[in-house]
């Protein structure tokens, strides 16, 4: 019964990453700059896996926290 329930209730989950191009401000395809500032929505920042250039292995929570802390320091320093 347990195996039947587990197989029936499983679903695939994935994290979309690499969807927002991050780079130099002169790039026409740029979505966010190196300070995570959004080109499309002035005054906002993108801090999630979409700004990662490649799909990382494992759980992404700690990677997002690392980027969020870096961007927090950038905001506090006035960048």
C-alpha atoms as a PDB file:
ATOM      1  CA  UNK A   1       0.000   0.000   0.000  1.00  0.00           C
ATOM      2  CA  UNK A   2       2.768   2.401   0.872  1.00  0.00           C
ATOM      3  CA  UNK A   3       4.543   1.840  -2.449  1.00  0.00           C
ATOM      4  CA  UNK A   4       1.282   2.336  -4.367  1.00  0.00           C
ATOM      5  CA  UNK A   5       0.594   5.589  -2.495  1.00  0.00           C
ATOM      6  CA  UNK A   6       4.158   6.860  -3.011  1.00  0.00           C
ATOM      7  CA  UNK A   7       4.073   6.136  -6.749  1.00  0.00           C
ATOM      8  CA  UNK A   8       0.635   7.741  -7.141  1.00  0.00           C
ATOM      9  CA  UNK A   9       1.508  10.912  -5.229  1.00  0.00           C
ATOM     10  CA  UNK A  10       4.970  11.668  -6.658  1.00  0.00           C
ATOM     11  CA  UNK A  11       5.507  14.536  -9.005  1.00  0.00           C
ATOM     12  CA  UNK A  12       8.529  15.934 -10.761  1.00  0.00           C
ATOM     13  CA  UNK A  13       9.842  19.280  -9.579  1.00  0.00           C
ATOM     14  CA  UNK A  14      12.529  21.441 -11.129  1.00  0.00           C
ATOM     15  CA  UNK A  15      13.985  24.882 -10.706  1.00  0.00           C
ATOM     16  CA  UNK A  16      14.108  27.133 -13.703  1.00  0.00           C
ATOM     17  CA  UNK A  17      17.490  28.786 -13.896  1.00  0.00           C
ATOM     18  CA  UNK A  18      19.492  30.716 -16.420  1.00  0.00           C
ATOM     19  CA  UNK A  19      16.490  32.570 -17.856  1.00  0.00           C
ATOM     20  CA  UNK A  20      17.649  36.142 -17.135  1.00  0.00           C
ATOM     21  CA  UNK A  21      20.812  37.149 -18.942  1.00  0.00           C
ATOM     22  CA  UNK A  22      23.194  38.906 -16.584  1.00  0.00           C
ATOM     23  CA  UNK A  23      26.028  40.955 -18.010  1.00  0.00           C
ATOM     24  CA  UNK A  24      27.279  44.363 -19.083  1.00  0.00           C
ATOM     25  CA  UNK A  25      24.831  47.240 -19.457  1.00  0.00           C
ATOM     26  CA  UNK A  26      25.629  47.703 -23.166  1.00  0.00           C
ATOM     27  CA  UNK A  27      24.321  44.206 -24.051  1.00  0.00           C
ATOM     28  CA  UNK A  28      20.937  44.481 -25.823  1.00  0.00           C
ATOM     29  CA  UNK A  29      19.740  41.129 -24.430  1.00  0.00           C
ATOM     30  CA  UNK A  30      20.629  42.009 -20.835  1.00  0.00           C
ATOM     31  CA  UNK A  31      17.913  41.390 -18.226  1.00  0.00           C
ATOM     32  CA  UNK A  32      19.863  42.109 -15.023  1.00  0.00           C
ATOM     33  CA  UNK A  33      23.241  43.722 -14.401  1.00  0.00           C
ATOM     34  CA  UNK A  34      25.942  42.506 -12.003  1.00  0.00           C
ATOM     35  CA  UNK A  35      24.112  44.217  -9.135  1.00  0.00           C
ATOM     36  CA  UNK A  36      20.882  42.322 -10.011  1.00  0.00           C
ATOM     37  CA  UNK A  37      19.200  45.546 -11.163  1.00  0.00           C
ATOM     38  CA  UNK A  38      16.435  44.801 -13.627  1.00  0.00           C
ATOM     39  CA  UNK A  39      16.626  46.455 -17.034  1.00  0.00           C
ATOM     40  CA  UNK A  40      12.916  45.875 -17.673  1.00  0.00           C
ATOM     41  CA  UNK A  41      11.497  47.057 -14.330  1.00  0.00           C
ATOM     42  CA  UNK A  42      13.377  50.122 -13.070  1.00  0.00           C
ATOM     43  CA  UNK A  43      13.942  50.146  -9.318  1.00  0.00           C
ATOM     44  CA  UNK A  44      13.647  46.374  -8.924  1.00  0.00           C
ATOM     45  CA  UNK A  45      16.222  43.612  -8.552  1.00  0.00           C
ATOM     46  CA  UNK A  46      16.148  39.942  -9.469  1.00  0.00           C
ATOM     47  CA  UNK A  47      17.606  37.636  -6.861  1.00  0.00           C
ATOM     48  CA  UNK A  48      16.721  34.053  -7.714  1.00  0.00           C
ATOM     49  CA  UNK A  49      17.952  31.151  -9.811  1.00  0.00           C
ATOM     50  CA  UNK A  50      16.914  32.803 -13.063  1.00  0.00           C
ATOM     51  CA  UNK A  51      20.080  34.920 -12.919  1.00  0.00           C
ATOM     52  CA  UNK A  52      22.401  31.890 -12.594  1.00  0.00           C
ATOM     53  CA  UNK A  53      24.247  31.288 -15.858  1.00  0.00           C
ATOM     54  CA  UNK A  54      24.017  27.497 -15.543  1.00  0.00           C
ATOM     55  CA  UNK A  55      21.855  24.944 -13.747  1.00  0.00           C
ATOM     56  CA  UNK A  56      23.540  24.014 -10.490  1.00  0.00           C
ATOM     57  CA  UNK A  57      23.324  20.536  -9.013  1.00  0.00           C
ATOM     58  CA  UNK A  58      21.562  19.869  -5.753  1.00  0.00           C
ATOM     59  CA  UNK A  59      19.202  22.053  -3.805  1.00  0.00           C
ATOM     60  CA  UNK A  60      19.416  25.709  -4.806  1.00  0.00           C
ATOM     61  CA  UNK A  61      18.338  27.317  -1.530  1.00  0.00           C
ATOM     62  CA  UNK A  62      21.857  27.962  -0.224  1.00  0.00           C
ATOM     63  CA  UNK A  63      22.956  29.355  -3.607  1.00  0.00           C
ATOM     64  CA  UNK A  64      20.055  31.815  -3.668  1.00  0.00           C
ATOM     65  CA  UNK A  65      20.854  32.848  -0.083  1.00  0.00           C
ATOM     66  CA  UNK A  66      24.479  33.497  -1.087  1.00  0.00           C
ATOM     67  CA  UNK A  67      23.418  35.720  -4.000  1.00  0.00           C
ATOM     68  CA  UNK A  68      20.810  37.483  -1.831  1.00  0.00           C
ATOM     69  CA  UNK A  69      23.444  38.296   0.801  1.00  0.00           C
ATOM     70  CA  UNK A  70      25.819  39.623  -1.860  1.00  0.00           C
ATOM     71  CA  UNK A  71      23.112  41.825  -3.380  1.00  0.00           C
ATOM     72  CA  UNK A  72      22.073  43.022   0.095  1.00  0.00           C
ATOM     73  CA  UNK A  73      25.651  44.203   0.689  1.00  0.00           C
ATOM     74  CA  UNK A  74      25.618  45.957  -2.710  1.00  0.00           C
ATOM     75  CA  UNK A  75      22.357  47.744  -1.852  1.00  0.00           C
ATOM     76  CA  UNK A  76      23.685  48.823   1.553  1.00  0.00           C
ATOM     77  CA  UNK A  77      26.864  50.162  -0.069  1.00  0.00           C
ATOM     78  CA  UNK A  78      24.772  52.265  -2.456  1.00  0.00           C
ATOM     79  CA  UNK A  79      25.265  50.316  -5.678  1.00  0.00           C
END
